[in-house]
Every structure is written in C-alpha cells, then in structure tokens.
Amino acid sequence: MPYLTANKQVKRGTLISTLTLANDVTTRPDTHVALFAGEFPCHCDGSPIERIRNGTINTKIGNTVVANHTFSEKPKPSGYYESYYEKLSTYADILSGPVQSNDPGASAKT
C-alpha cells in the first residue's frame, strides 16, 4: 500500500483487516477498524491524516508483519462496511490519495 510519510516520501506499508467467514463464504466485516504496518500516513503537506488515527500499537501479525497503527473510518450512517472490498478500498483511497502528488504512477490497486 503506497502512502506518504511526514517527510513527503512515498513508502509502502501493509493494510491489515480481520476476515469473518461463514463456512467458506466471506461475510460482512466485523469491524470498521483496520491495522497498518508502516509509519503514520500523511497528507501532501506532511501533516498526519488525523481523521483515521485510532491508536498506536506494535502488534505482531503472523511471523513477519508488525502492525504499528490502528485506523478508524466508520462509514455513515450505518457504522459498518457492507463488504471487505468497500472497507479496504476506502482505506486504500485515503492512504494512497496524497501519494499522487509525488508519484502519480503509485497505486494500491492492481
């Protein structure tokens, strides 16, 4: 996931979410909160994207990833995302949007 640092550098981090299943079928996300491995993402001017700040953590996920931050972008009016696509696309747009000013070719979407 490309994001912009406080020094206005483009870096890549990892966006992490829980996954809820009913047997082998993905269900609605159980939370609007996401985790992030990387520095705290910033706007084009280097200021932190405060609207998503939920907390700072250092939680190991699996064997190699350490989540550094929790984000909260609760959809209104429902308070929940209907799908993981909606949830992760929302966070991807928020995080990678400022990157476009420095690197128009960088994208979280493949």
Protein backbone atom coordinates (compact mmCIF):
# COMPACT_ATOMS: atom_id res chain seq x y z
CA MET A 1 0.00 0.00 0.00
CA PRO A 2 1.69 3.26 -1.04
CA TYR A 3 1.47 6.12 1.46
CA LEU A 4 3.18 9.45 2.11
CA THR A 5 5.41 9.98 5.17
CA ALA A 6 5.82 13.17 7.20
CA ASN A 7 8.96 13.83 5.11
CA LYS A 8 6.79 13.60 1.97
CA GLN A 9 8.45 10.35 0.88
CA VAL A 10 6.43 7.66 -0.85
CA LYS A 11 6.71 4.39 1.05
CA ARG A 12 4.81 1.12 1.09
CA GLY A 13 3.03 -0.23 4.13
CA THR A 14 0.70 -3.12 4.83
CA LEU A 15 -3.02 -2.65 5.45
CA ILE A 16 -4.42 -5.40 7.70
CA SER A 17 -8.00 -6.41 8.43
CA THR A 18 -9.80 -9.20 10.20
CA LEU A 19 -11.68 -11.63 7.96
CA THR A 20 -15.02 -13.08 9.00
CA LEU A 21 -16.33 -16.20 7.32
CA ALA A 22 -19.45 -18.34 7.40
CA ASN A 23 -18.01 -21.71 6.45
CA ASP A 24 -16.03 -20.77 3.30
CA VAL A 25 -18.02 -17.63 2.46
CA THR A 26 -16.86 -14.11 3.32
CA THR A 27 -19.39 -12.23 5.43
CA ARG A 28 -19.73 -8.54 6.25
CA PRO A 29 -16.63 -7.19 8.06
CA ASP A 30 -16.98 -7.49 11.83
CA THR A 31 -15.33 -4.10 12.43
CA HIS A 32 -14.63 -0.86 10.61
CA VAL A 33 -11.16 -0.70 12.22
CA ALA A 34 -8.05 -1.63 10.23
CA LEU A 35 -4.41 -2.11 11.23
CA PHE A 36 -1.39 -0.70 9.41
CA ALA A 37 2.27 -1.70 9.31
CA GLY A 38 4.39 1.33 8.49
CA GLU A 39 4.91 4.94 9.51
CA PHE A 40 1.79 7.01 10.12
CA PRO A 41 0.46 8.17 6.71
CA CYS A 42 0.34 11.86 5.90
CA HIS A 43 -1.31 14.43 3.67
CA CYS A 44 0.56 16.13 0.80
CA ASP A 45 1.87 18.80 3.20
CA GLY A 46 3.36 16.20 5.56
CA SER A 47 0.69 16.54 8.26
CA PRO A 48 -0.75 13.26 9.64
CA ILE A 49 -4.10 12.03 8.33
CA GLU A 50 -5.70 12.54 11.75
CA ARG A 51 -9.23 11.63 10.68
CA ILE A 52 -8.28 7.93 10.65
CA ARG A 53 -5.99 7.86 13.73
CA ASN A 54 -7.29 5.36 16.26
CA GLY A 55 -4.17 4.27 18.13
CA THR A 56 -0.51 3.34 18.02
CA ILE A 57 0.38 -0.28 18.65
CA ASN A 58 3.18 -2.71 17.97
CA THR A 59 1.40 -5.99 17.46
CA LYS A 60 2.97 -8.92 15.65
CA ILE A 61 0.73 -10.37 12.95
CA GLY A 62 1.90 -13.79 11.84
CA ASN A 63 5.65 -14.36 11.65
CA THR A 64 6.84 -11.28 9.78
CA VAL A 65 4.45 -8.32 9.97
CA VAL A 66 4.23 -5.87 12.89
CA ALA A 67 1.17 -3.61 12.92
CA ASN A 68 2.12 -0.12 14.13
CA HIS A 69 -1.20 1.74 13.96
CA THR A 70 -4.94 1.23 14.13
CA PHE A 71 -7.24 3.24 11.86
CA SER A 72 -10.91 4.05 12.24
CA GLU A 73 -13.03 5.32 9.36
CA LYS A 74 -16.57 4.41 10.34
CA PRO A 75 -18.98 4.67 7.42
CA LYS A 76 -22.03 6.82 7.95
CA PRO A 77 -24.86 6.40 8.63
CA SER A 78 -24.69 2.60 9.05
CA GLY A 79 -21.45 2.37 11.06
CA TYR A 80 -20.31 -0.71 9.18
CA TYR A 81 -18.97 -1.72 5.78
CA GLU A 82 -21.13 -3.99 3.64
CA SER A 83 -18.10 -5.81 2.18
CA TYR A 84 -14.35 -6.16 2.51
CA TYR A 85 -14.00 -4.56 -0.91
CA GLU A 86 -15.77 -1.44 0.38
CA LYS A 87 -13.71 -1.37 3.59
CA LEU A 88 -10.29 -1.89 2.03
CA SER A 89 -11.00 0.34 -0.97
CA THR A 90 -11.96 3.16 1.39
CA TYR A 91 -8.72 2.87 3.34
CA ALA A 92 -6.68 2.45 0.13
CA ASP A 93 -8.13 5.69 -1.26
CA ILE A 94 -7.41 7.58 1.98
CA LEU A 95 -3.84 6.31 2.28
CA SER A 96 -2.75 6.47 -1.34
CA GLY A 97 -4.54 9.68 -2.34
CA PRO A 98 -1.76 12.01 -1.09
CA VAL A 99 0.83 9.88 -2.88
CA GLN A 100 -0.50 11.02 -6.25
CA SER A 101 1.06 14.47 -5.76
CA ASN A 102 4.55 12.90 -5.55
CA ASP A 103 4.20 9.76 -7.64
CA PRO A 104 1.15 9.68 -9.96
CA GLY A 105 2.01 6.12 -11.00
CA ALA A 106 1.87 4.67 -7.49
CA SER A 107 -1.33 2.80 -6.76
CA ALA A 108 -2.66 0.40 -4.16
CA LYS A 109 -4.89 -1.18 -6.78
CA THR A 110 -3.57 -3.76 -9.25
